[in-house]
Amino acid sequence: MDLSIFKNALVARQNLQLRLEIFNLFNRANFATPNSAALFNPDGTQIPGATQITHTATTSRQVQLGVKFVF
């Protein structure tokens, strides 16, 4: 879930916009698919680490601040 908050203000008859944007608001882990290319070696022994999830598909929470001045 993402969140964006902004506030418009007049400064000397010009428009100023303050923005706060948050991506992955609740910092939920979105796991990538497990490595399932090969489960066993040619001799029939199991490959260590097969089907383990080693990374996430998306980034962690990110916060972005911005200021926009329209004249």
C-alpha atoms as a PDB file:
ATOM      1  CA  MET A   1       0.000   0.000   0.000  1.00  0.00           C
ATOM      2  CA  ASP A   2       1.308   3.424  -0.961  1.00  0.00           C
ATOM      3  CA  LEU A   3       0.398   6.801   0.522  1.00  0.00           C
ATOM      4  CA  SER A   4       0.679  10.318  -0.898  1.00  0.00           C
ATOM      5  CA  ILE A   5      -0.118  13.500   1.033  1.00  0.00           C
ATOM      6  CA  PHE A   6       0.222  17.006  -0.337  1.00  0.00           C
ATOM      7  CA  LYS A   7      -0.582  20.552   0.761  1.00  0.00           C
ATOM      8  CA  ASN A   8      -1.033  23.518  -1.571  1.00  0.00           C
ATOM      9  CA  ALA A   9      -0.193  26.973  -0.232  1.00  0.00           C
ATOM     10  CA  LEU A  10      -0.096  30.474  -1.693  1.00  0.00           C
ATOM     11  CA  VAL A  11       3.202  32.294  -1.235  1.00  0.00           C
ATOM     12  CA  ALA A  12       3.391  35.847  -2.654  1.00  0.00           C
ATOM     13  CA  ARG A  13       0.601  35.046  -5.157  1.00  0.00           C
ATOM     14  CA  GLN A  14       2.496  31.955  -6.321  1.00  0.00           C
ATOM     15  CA  ASN A  15       1.548  28.323  -5.743  1.00  0.00           C
ATOM     16  CA  LEU A  16       3.730  26.148  -3.482  1.00  0.00           C
ATOM     17  CA  GLN A  17       3.047  22.428  -3.097  1.00  0.00           C
ATOM     18  CA  LEU A  18       4.561  20.300  -0.318  1.00  0.00           C
ATOM     19  CA  ARG A  19       4.433  16.529  -0.897  1.00  0.00           C
ATOM     20  CA  LEU A  20       5.059  13.426   1.208  1.00  0.00           C
ATOM     21  CA  GLU A  21       5.004  10.067  -0.568  1.00  0.00           C
ATOM     22  CA  ILE A  22       5.463   6.708   1.126  1.00  0.00           C
ATOM     23  CA  PHE A  23       5.864   3.497  -0.849  1.00  0.00           C
ATOM     24  CA  ASN A  24       5.202   0.129   0.854  1.00  0.00           C
ATOM     25  CA  LEU A  25       3.643   1.946   3.819  1.00  0.00           C
ATOM     26  CA  PHE A  26       3.311  -1.081   6.116  1.00  0.00           C
ATOM     27  CA  ASN A  27       6.742  -2.453   5.096  1.00  0.00           C
ATOM     28  CA  ARG A  28       5.222  -5.783   4.056  1.00  0.00           C
ATOM     29  CA  ALA A  29       7.684  -8.323   2.692  1.00  0.00           C
ATOM     30  CA  ASN A  30       6.779  -9.497  -0.816  1.00  0.00           C
ATOM     31  CA  PHE A  31       8.883 -12.605  -1.252  1.00  0.00           C
ATOM     32  CA  ALA A  32      10.232 -13.619  -4.642  1.00  0.00           C
ATOM     33  CA  THR A  33       9.573 -17.047  -6.091  1.00  0.00           C
ATOM     34  CA  PRO A  34      11.857 -19.790  -4.787  1.00  0.00           C
ATOM     35  CA  ASN A  35      14.777 -21.033  -6.828  1.00  0.00           C
ATOM     36  CA  SER A  36      13.327 -24.160  -8.412  1.00  0.00           C
ATOM     37  CA  ALA A  37      15.444 -24.478 -11.556  1.00  0.00           C
ATOM     38  CA  ALA A  38      16.961 -27.725 -10.313  1.00  0.00           C
ATOM     39  CA  LEU A  39      16.079 -29.688  -7.196  1.00  0.00           C
ATOM     40  CA  PHE A  40      18.484 -32.600  -7.613  1.00  0.00           C
ATOM     41  CA  ASN A  41      21.977 -33.147  -8.985  1.00  0.00           C
ATOM     42  CA  PRO A  42      22.418 -35.606 -11.868  1.00  0.00           C
ATOM     43  CA  ASP A  43      23.473 -38.257  -9.332  1.00  0.00           C
ATOM     44  CA  GLY A  44      20.133 -37.893  -7.481  1.00  0.00           C
ATOM     45  CA  THR A  45      21.307 -35.982  -4.415  1.00  0.00           C
ATOM     46  CA  GLN A  46      19.383 -32.914  -3.386  1.00  0.00           C
ATOM     47  CA  ILE A  47      20.947 -29.534  -4.171  1.00  0.00           C
ATOM     48  CA  PRO A  48      21.503 -27.528  -0.960  1.00  0.00           C
ATOM     49  CA  GLY A  49      19.444 -24.353  -0.979  1.00  0.00           C
ATOM     50  CA  ALA A  50      17.008 -25.531  -3.638  1.00  0.00           C
ATOM     51  CA  THR A  51      13.507 -24.066  -3.207  1.00  0.00           C
ATOM     52  CA  GLN A  52      14.736 -21.517  -0.660  1.00  0.00           C
ATOM     53  CA  ILE A  53      13.553 -17.929  -0.894  1.00  0.00           C
ATOM     54  CA  THR A  54      16.678 -15.786  -0.897  1.00  0.00           C
ATOM     55  CA  HIS A  55      15.352 -12.296  -1.685  1.00  0.00           C
ATOM     56  CA  THR A  56      12.219 -10.172  -1.909  1.00  0.00           C
ATOM     57  CA  ALA A  57      10.400  -9.115  -5.064  1.00  0.00           C
ATOM     58  CA  THR A  58       9.902  -5.499  -3.980  1.00  0.00           C
ATOM     59  CA  THR A  59      11.888  -2.962  -2.009  1.00  0.00           C
ATOM     60  CA  SER A  60      11.374  -2.058   1.626  1.00  0.00           C
ATOM     61  CA  ARG A  61       9.559   1.094   2.753  1.00  0.00           C
ATOM     62  CA  GLN A  62      10.668   4.261   0.961  1.00  0.00           C
ATOM     63  CA  VAL A  63       9.780   7.834   1.935  1.00  0.00           C
ATOM     64  CA  GLN A  64      10.039  10.739  -0.480  1.00  0.00           C
ATOM     65  CA  LEU A  65       9.636  14.443   0.267  1.00  0.00           C
ATOM     66  CA  GLY A  66       9.106  17.060  -2.417  1.00  0.00           C
ATOM     67  CA  VAL A  67       8.485  20.761  -2.923  1.00  0.00           C
ATOM     68  CA  LYS A  68       6.973  22.179  -6.112  1.00  0.00           C
ATOM     69  CA  PHE A  69       6.926  25.912  -6.806  1.00  0.00           C
ATOM     70  CA  VAL A  70       4.693  27.124  -9.645  1.00  0.00           C
ATOM     71  CA  PHE A  71       5.139  30.726 -10.776  1.00  0.00           C
END
